[in-house]
C-alpha atoms as a PDB file:
ATOM      1  CA  MET A   1      31.284 131.189 -81.175  1.00  0.00           C
ATOM      2  CA  ALA A   2      30.157 128.152 -79.190  1.00  0.00           C
ATOM      3  CA  TRP A   3      33.285 126.144 -77.411  1.00  0.00           C
ATOM      4  CA  THR A   4      33.400 122.447 -77.075  1.00  0.00           C
ATOM      5  CA  LEU A   5      35.872 120.270 -75.148  1.00  0.00           C
ATOM      6  CA  ASP A   6      36.376 116.348 -75.815  1.00  0.00           C
ATOM      7  CA  ALA A   7      38.360 114.917 -73.652  1.00  0.00           C
ATOM      8  CA  ARG A   8      38.644 111.999 -74.730  1.00  0.00           C
ATOM      9  CA  ILE A   9      41.937 110.327 -75.838  1.00  0.00           C
ATOM     10  CA  PRO A  10      42.624 110.973 -79.813  1.00  0.00           C
ATOM     11  CA  VAL A  11      43.298 107.800 -81.691  1.00  0.00           C
ATOM     12  CA  HIS A  12      45.362 107.092 -84.756  1.00  0.00           C
ATOM     13  CA  LEU A  13      44.652 104.395 -86.940  1.00  0.00           C
ATOM     14  CA  ILE A  14      48.339 103.290 -88.439  1.00  0.00           C
ATOM     15  CA  ALA A  15      49.467 100.920 -91.384  1.00  0.00           C
ATOM     16  CA  PRO A  16      52.055  98.324 -90.579  1.00  0.00           C
ATOM     17  CA  GLY A  17      55.614  99.977 -90.585  1.00  0.00           C
ATOM     18  CA  ASP A  18      53.845 103.101 -89.799  1.00  0.00           C
ATOM     19  CA  ALA A  19      56.062 105.425 -87.436  1.00  0.00           C
ATOM     20  CA  VAL A  20      54.183 105.713 -83.959  1.00  0.00           C
ATOM     21  CA  PRO A  21      53.828 109.737 -83.547  1.00  0.00           C
ATOM     22  CA  GLU A  22      55.725 111.143 -80.186  1.00  0.00           C
ATOM     23  CA  GLY A  23      53.551 111.000 -77.328  1.00  0.00           C
ATOM     24  CA  ALA A  24      51.381 108.522 -78.678  1.00  0.00           C
ATOM     25  CA  ALA A  25      50.890 104.617 -77.004  1.00  0.00           C
ATOM     26  CA  LEU A  26      50.802 101.848 -79.367  1.00  0.00           C
ATOM     27  CA  LEU A  27      48.013  99.312 -79.354  1.00  0.00           C
ATOM     28  CA  ALA A  28      48.721  96.732 -82.084  1.00  0.00           C
ATOM     29  CA  GLU A  29      46.848  93.451 -83.390  1.00  0.00           C
ATOM     30  CA  GLY A  30      48.203  90.812 -82.153  1.00  0.00           C
ATOM     31  CA  ALA A  31      50.772  91.884 -79.369  1.00  0.00           C
ATOM     32  CA  ASP A  32      47.816  93.579 -77.078  1.00  0.00           C
ATOM     33  CA  PHE A  33      44.883  91.809 -78.515  1.00  0.00           C
ATOM     34  CA  ALA A  34      43.915  89.307 -81.529  1.00  0.00           C
ATOM     35  CA  VAL A  35      40.946  88.204 -83.182  1.00  0.00           C
ATOM     36  CA  PRO A  36      39.487  84.919 -82.395  1.00  0.00           C
ATOM     37  CA  ALA A  37      39.014  83.014 -85.965  1.00  0.00           C
ATOM     38  CA  SER A  38      35.267  82.682 -86.392  1.00  0.00           C
ATOM     39  CA  GLY A  39      32.601  83.600 -89.401  1.00  0.00           C
ATOM     40  CA  HIS A  40      30.796  86.019 -87.190  1.00  0.00           C
ATOM     41  CA  ALA A  41      31.260  89.760 -87.564  1.00  0.00           C
ATOM     42  CA  ILE A  42      33.133  92.011 -85.269  1.00  0.00           C
ATOM     43  CA  GLY A  43      30.598  92.464 -82.012  1.00  0.00           C
ATOM     44  CA  CYS A  44      28.077  89.341 -82.952  1.00  0.00           C
ATOM     45  CA  ALA A  45      26.482  88.780 -79.732  1.00  0.00           C
ATOM     46  CA  CYS A  46      26.438  85.324 -79.614  1.00  0.00           C
ATOM     47  CA  CYS A  47      30.106  84.757 -79.280  1.00  0.00           C
ATOM     48  CA  LEU A  48      31.547  88.520 -78.974  1.00  0.00           C
ATOM     49  CA  PRO A  49      29.861  90.931 -76.313  1.00  0.00           C
ATOM     50  CA  ARG A  50      32.655  93.087 -77.146  1.00  0.00           C
ATOM     51  CA  SER A  51      35.253  93.333 -79.896  1.00  0.00           C
ATOM     52  CA  PRO A  52      38.716  91.744 -79.191  1.00  0.00           C
ATOM     53  CA  ALA A  53      40.044  95.149 -79.250  1.00  0.00           C
ATOM     54  CA  ALA A  54      37.961  96.920 -76.117  1.00  0.00           C
ATOM     55  CA  PRO A  55      39.983  94.757 -73.604  1.00  0.00           C
ATOM     56  CA  ALA A  56      43.069  96.226 -74.662  1.00  0.00           C
ATOM     57  CA  PHE A  57      42.147  99.389 -74.436  1.00  0.00           C
ATOM     58  CA  ASP A  58      40.507  99.366 -71.192  1.00  0.00           C
ATOM     59  CA  ARG A  59      44.252  97.873 -69.900  1.00  0.00           C
ATOM     60  CA  LEU A  60      46.201 100.861 -71.780  1.00  0.00           C
ATOM     61  CA  PHE A  61      43.496 103.522 -70.274  1.00  0.00           C
ATOM     62  CA  LEU A  62      44.212 101.182 -66.851  1.00  0.00           C
ATOM     63  CA  ALA A  63      47.856 101.713 -67.353  1.00  0.00           C
ATOM     64  CA  ARG A  64      47.832 105.927 -67.880  1.00  0.00           C
ATOM     65  CA  VAL A  65      45.692 106.045 -64.726  1.00  0.00           C
ATOM     66  CA  LYS A  66      47.856 104.197 -62.404  1.00  0.00           C
ATOM     67  CA  GLY A  67      50.310 106.197 -64.257  1.00  0.00           C
ATOM     68  CA  GLU A  68      52.173 103.373 -65.319  1.00  0.00           C
ATOM     69  CA  ARG A  69      52.148 104.599 -69.171  1.00  0.00           C
ATOM     70  CA  SER A  70      52.404 108.451 -70.228  1.00  0.00           C
ATOM     71  CA  PHE A  71      50.578 109.114 -73.134  1.00  0.00           C
ATOM     72  CA  THR A  72      48.699 111.823 -75.350  1.00  0.00           C
ATOM     73  CA  SER A  73      47.018 109.788 -78.077  1.00  0.00           C
ATOM     74  CA  VAL A  74      47.294 106.582 -79.252  1.00  0.00           C
ATOM     75  CA  ALA A  75      48.244 104.921 -82.420  1.00  0.00           C
ATOM     76  CA  ALA A  76      46.383 102.011 -83.451  1.00  0.00           C
ATOM     77  CA  ARG A  77      47.833  99.542 -85.611  1.00  0.00           C
ATOM     78  CA  ALA A  78      45.882  96.436 -87.180  1.00  0.00           C
ATOM     79  CA  GLU A  79      47.788  93.610 -89.381  1.00  0.00           C
ATOM     80  CA  THR A  80      44.185  92.280 -90.463  1.00  0.00           C
ATOM     81  CA  ALA A  81      40.988  93.517 -91.910  1.00  0.00           C
ATOM     82  CA  ASP A  82      39.438  92.062 -88.928  1.00  0.00           C
ATOM     83  CA  GLY A  83      41.729  93.509 -86.360  1.00  0.00           C
ATOM     84  CA  ALA A  84      40.944  97.067 -87.951  1.00  0.00           C
ATOM     85  CA  ASP A  85      37.412  96.244 -87.670  1.00  0.00           C
ATOM     86  CA  ALA A  86      37.819  95.154 -83.995  1.00  0.00           C
ATOM     87  CA  ILE A  87      39.251  98.682 -83.254  1.00  0.00           C
ATOM     88  CA  ARG A  88      36.643 100.538 -85.361  1.00  0.00           C
ATOM     89  CA  TRP A  89      33.809  98.375 -83.494  1.00  0.00           C
ATOM     90  CA  ALA A  90      34.956  98.891 -80.459  1.00  0.00           C
ATOM     91  CA  LEU A  91      35.654 102.993 -80.703  1.00  0.00           C
ATOM     92  CA  ASP A  92      31.957 103.230 -82.213  1.00  0.00           C
ATOM     93  CA  HIS A  93      30.218 101.337 -80.455  1.00  0.00           C
ATOM     94  CA  ASP A  94      31.649  99.491 -76.710  1.00  0.00           C
ATOM     95  CA  PRO A  95      30.320 102.263 -74.273  1.00  0.00           C
ATOM     96  CA  VAL A  96      33.407 102.048 -72.228  1.00  0.00           C
ATOM     97  CA  VAL A  97      35.729 102.408 -74.928  1.00  0.00           C
ATOM     98  CA  SER A  98      33.945 105.503 -76.900  1.00  0.00           C
ATOM     99  CA  SER A  99      33.863 107.041 -73.499  1.00  0.00           C
ATOM    100  CA  ARG A 100      37.542 107.317 -73.275  1.00  0.00           C
ATOM    101  CA  PHE A 101      38.890 107.323 -76.680  1.00  0.00           C
ATOM    102  CA  ARG A 102      37.922 108.701 -79.872  1.00  0.00           C
ATOM    103  CA  LEU A 103      38.507 108.970 -83.569  1.00  0.00           C
ATOM    104  CA  PRO A 104      40.242 112.580 -84.406  1.00  0.00           C
ATOM    105  CA  ALA A 105      37.551 114.946 -86.547  1.00  0.00           C
END
């Protein structure tokens, strides 16, 4: 049997109104990041080189490293479809975010 270890922090997508699981940090659209009004897609190279959720993930990770926050996973709450896209885009395409965080298998 092959063993694998993925030490990245799991991110669970939750709906507005869902409870945050015990031990999880909350990353919420509107409180931690905002999607700018634009007709362009998330990650558009001309006006948005990173997803708006990416800096929020960065701040959360930095707070954990500094010992300011303690969590074993992240509960990411999007209020809009664009917010959900921003979270997924960061996890799938941002090299810094995807090296630290992952969606569970």
